[in-house]
C-alpha atoms as a PDB file:
ATOM      1  CA  MET A   1       0.000   0.000   0.000  1.00  0.00           C
ATOM      2  CA  ASN A   2       1.564   3.234  -1.189  1.00  0.00           C
ATOM      3  CA  VAL A   3       0.799   6.124   1.207  1.00  0.00           C
ATOM      4  CA  GLN A   4       1.308   9.785   0.317  1.00  0.00           C
ATOM      5  CA  ILE A   5       0.746  12.449   2.984  1.00  0.00           C
ATOM      6  CA  GLN A   6       0.822  16.038   1.776  1.00  0.00           C
ATOM      7  CA  THR A   7       0.400  19.219   3.751  1.00  0.00           C
ATOM      8  CA  VAL A   8      -0.839  22.431   2.158  1.00  0.00           C
ATOM      9  CA  HIS A   9      -0.083  25.897   3.598  1.00  0.00           C
ATOM     10  CA  PHE A  10       1.746  24.532   6.669  1.00  0.00           C
ATOM     11  CA  ASP A  11       4.417  22.054   7.824  1.00  0.00           C
ATOM     12  CA  ALA A  12       3.096  19.125   9.849  1.00  0.00           C
ATOM     13  CA  ASP A  13       4.917  18.029  12.973  1.00  0.00           C
ATOM     14  CA  ALA A  14       6.053  14.428  13.491  1.00  0.00           C
ATOM     15  CA  LYS A  15       3.263  13.745  15.992  1.00  0.00           C
ATOM     16  CA  LEU A  16       0.539  14.545  13.435  1.00  0.00           C
ATOM     17  CA  LEU A  17       2.222  12.490  10.693  1.00  0.00           C
ATOM     18  CA  GLU A  18       2.598   9.539  13.077  1.00  0.00           C
ATOM     19  CA  HIS A  19      -1.104   9.806  14.044  1.00  0.00           C
ATOM     20  CA  VAL A  20      -2.138   9.737  10.376  1.00  0.00           C
ATOM     21  CA  SER A  21       0.170   6.830   9.477  1.00  0.00           C
ATOM     22  CA  ARG A  22      -0.917   4.739  12.466  1.00  0.00           C
ATOM     23  CA  LYS A  23      -4.612   5.232  11.700  1.00  0.00           C
ATOM     24  CA  LEU A  24      -4.156   4.481   7.982  1.00  0.00           C
ATOM     25  CA  ASP A  25      -2.825   1.018   8.836  1.00  0.00           C
ATOM     26  CA  LYS A  26      -6.365   0.135   9.958  1.00  0.00           C
ATOM     27  CA  LEU A  27      -7.598   0.424   6.364  1.00  0.00           C
ATOM     28  CA  ARG A  28      -5.920  -2.879   5.517  1.00  0.00           C
ATOM     29  CA  THR A  29      -8.405  -4.710   7.737  1.00  0.00           C
ATOM     30  CA  PHE A  30     -11.333  -3.454   5.631  1.00  0.00           C
ATOM     31  CA  HIS A  31      -9.988  -4.043   2.107  1.00  0.00           C
ATOM     32  CA  ASP A  32      -7.288  -6.464   0.963  1.00  0.00           C
ATOM     33  CA  ASN A  33      -6.347  -4.827  -2.334  1.00  0.00           C
ATOM     34  CA  ILE A  34      -5.637  -1.199  -1.465  1.00  0.00           C
ATOM     35  CA  ILE A  35      -3.191   0.084  -4.061  1.00  0.00           C
ATOM     36  CA  GLY A  36      -2.562   3.522  -2.634  1.00  0.00           C
ATOM     37  CA  VAL A  37      -3.754   6.214  -0.264  1.00  0.00           C
ATOM     38  CA  ASP A  38      -3.386   9.976  -0.674  1.00  0.00           C
ATOM     39  CA  VAL A  39      -3.926  12.198   2.352  1.00  0.00           C
ATOM     40  CA  TYR A  40      -4.099  15.976   2.059  1.00  0.00           C
ATOM     41  CA  LEU A  41      -4.018  18.096   5.195  1.00  0.00           C
ATOM     42  CA  LYS A  42      -4.894  21.712   4.450  1.00  0.00           C
ATOM     43  CA  LEU A  43      -5.461  25.004   6.181  1.00  0.00           C
ATOM     44  CA  ASP A  44      -8.644  26.486   4.741  1.00  0.00           C
ATOM     45  CA  ASN A  45      -9.702  30.161   4.547  1.00  0.00           C
ATOM     46  CA  ILE A  46      -6.227  31.533   5.146  1.00  0.00           C
ATOM     47  CA  VAL A  47      -7.137  34.928   3.662  1.00  0.00           C
ATOM     48  CA  HIS A  48      -9.809  35.459   6.315  1.00  0.00           C
ATOM     49  CA  ASN A  49      -7.704  33.956   9.149  1.00  0.00           C
ATOM     50  CA  ILE A  50     -10.420  31.440  10.064  1.00  0.00           C
ATOM     51  CA  LYS A  51      -8.081  28.525   9.362  1.00  0.00           C
ATOM     52  CA  ASP A  52     -10.311  25.489   9.474  1.00  0.00           C
ATOM     53  CA  LYS A  53      -8.303  22.290   9.306  1.00  0.00           C
ATOM     54  CA  VAL A  54      -9.276  20.127   6.329  1.00  0.00           C
ATOM     55  CA  ALA A  55      -8.428  16.455   5.832  1.00  0.00           C
ATOM     56  CA  GLU A  56      -8.972  14.788   2.468  1.00  0.00           C
ATOM     57  CA  ILE A  57      -8.412  11.077   1.937  1.00  0.00           C
ATOM     58  CA  LYS A  58      -8.343   9.311  -1.414  1.00  0.00           C
ATOM     59  CA  VAL A  59      -8.082   5.509  -1.487  1.00  0.00           C
ATOM     60  CA  TYR A  60      -7.291   3.587  -4.663  1.00  0.00           C
ATOM     61  CA  VAL A  61      -8.395  -0.021  -5.092  1.00  0.00           C
ATOM     62  CA  PRO A  62      -8.672  -2.019  -8.335  1.00  0.00           C
ATOM     63  CA  LYS A  63     -11.453  -0.538 -10.520  1.00  0.00           C
ATOM     64  CA  HIS A  64     -12.454   2.053  -7.874  1.00  0.00           C
ATOM     65  CA  SER A  65     -11.258   5.078  -5.990  1.00  0.00           C
ATOM     66  CA  PHE A  66     -12.881   6.575  -2.922  1.00  0.00           C
ATOM     67  CA  PHE A  67     -12.703  10.172  -1.730  1.00  0.00           C
ATOM     68  CA  VAL A  68     -13.787  11.794   1.532  1.00  0.00           C
ATOM     69  CA  LYS A  69     -13.239  15.236   2.976  1.00  0.00           C
ATOM     70  CA  HIS A  70     -13.862  16.625   6.439  1.00  0.00           C
ATOM     71  CA  GLN A  71     -13.044  19.865   8.192  1.00  0.00           C
ATOM     72  CA  SER A  72     -13.020  20.983  11.807  1.00  0.00           C
ATOM     73  CA  LYS A  73     -10.903  23.059  14.155  1.00  0.00           C
ATOM     74  CA  GLY A  74      -8.196  20.396  14.564  1.00  0.00           C
ATOM     75  CA  PHE A  75      -6.305  18.163  12.132  1.00  0.00           C
ATOM     76  CA  GLU A  76      -6.633  15.026  14.261  1.00  0.00           C
ATOM     77  CA  GLU A  77     -10.411  15.451  14.516  1.00  0.00           C
ATOM     78  CA  SER A  78     -10.756  16.201  10.791  1.00  0.00           C
ATOM     79  CA  PHE A  79      -8.627  13.210   9.831  1.00  0.00           C
ATOM     80  CA  ASP A  80     -10.362  10.822  12.259  1.00  0.00           C
ATOM     81  CA  ARG A  81     -13.819  11.779  10.979  1.00  0.00           C
ATOM     82  CA  ALA A  82     -12.703  11.510   7.361  1.00  0.00           C
ATOM     83  CA  LEU A  83     -11.167   8.097   8.070  1.00  0.00           C
ATOM     84  CA  ASP A  84     -14.390   6.880   9.704  1.00  0.00           C
ATOM     85  CA  ALA A  85     -16.337   8.009   6.638  1.00  0.00           C
ATOM     86  CA  MET A  86     -13.814   6.254   4.373  1.00  0.00           C
ATOM     87  CA  ILE A  87     -14.120   2.994   6.324  1.00  0.00           C
ATOM     88  CA  ASN A  88     -17.913   3.144   6.030  1.00  0.00           C
ATOM     89  CA  ARG A  89     -17.671   3.794   2.292  1.00  0.00           C
ATOM     90  CA  ILE A  90     -15.290   0.864   1.761  1.00  0.00           C
ATOM     91  CA  LYS A  91     -17.557  -1.434   3.799  1.00  0.00           C
ATOM     92  CA  ARG A  92     -20.595  -0.399   1.715  1.00  0.00           C
ATOM     93  CA  GLN A  93     -18.702  -1.041  -1.515  1.00  0.00           C
ATOM     94  CA  LYS A  94     -17.624  -4.510  -0.368  1.00  0.00           C
ATOM     95  CA  GLU A  95     -21.198  -5.344   0.645  1.00  0.00           C
ATOM     96  CA  LYS A  96     -22.469  -4.273  -2.783  1.00  0.00           C
ATOM     97  CA  ALA A  97     -19.817  -6.352  -4.508  1.00  0.00           C
ATOM     98  CA  MET A  98     -20.751  -9.453  -2.527  1.00  0.00           C
ATOM     99  CA  ALA A  99     -24.484  -9.041  -3.083  1.00  0.00           C
END
């Protein structure tokens, strides 16, 4: 599984990158053939100084790709919610494929 973590408009500390990497390992339990994962961590609304933290996750599997996005006031919360949504989406897709 090829994992790319990119940060936009800021530099992530090691603690945040470790949190993201550790949580992404859980995806393997929900789908066997994950080819790659792209994670984008962004600061949103920089011009207005609101600075919501946005997490986007894109997962590539054979014949499909999944995308989720979530924003909140903290990167960990945004990423965790986006990951939960991604897990639910992968589970739904597997259920459809088996039906």
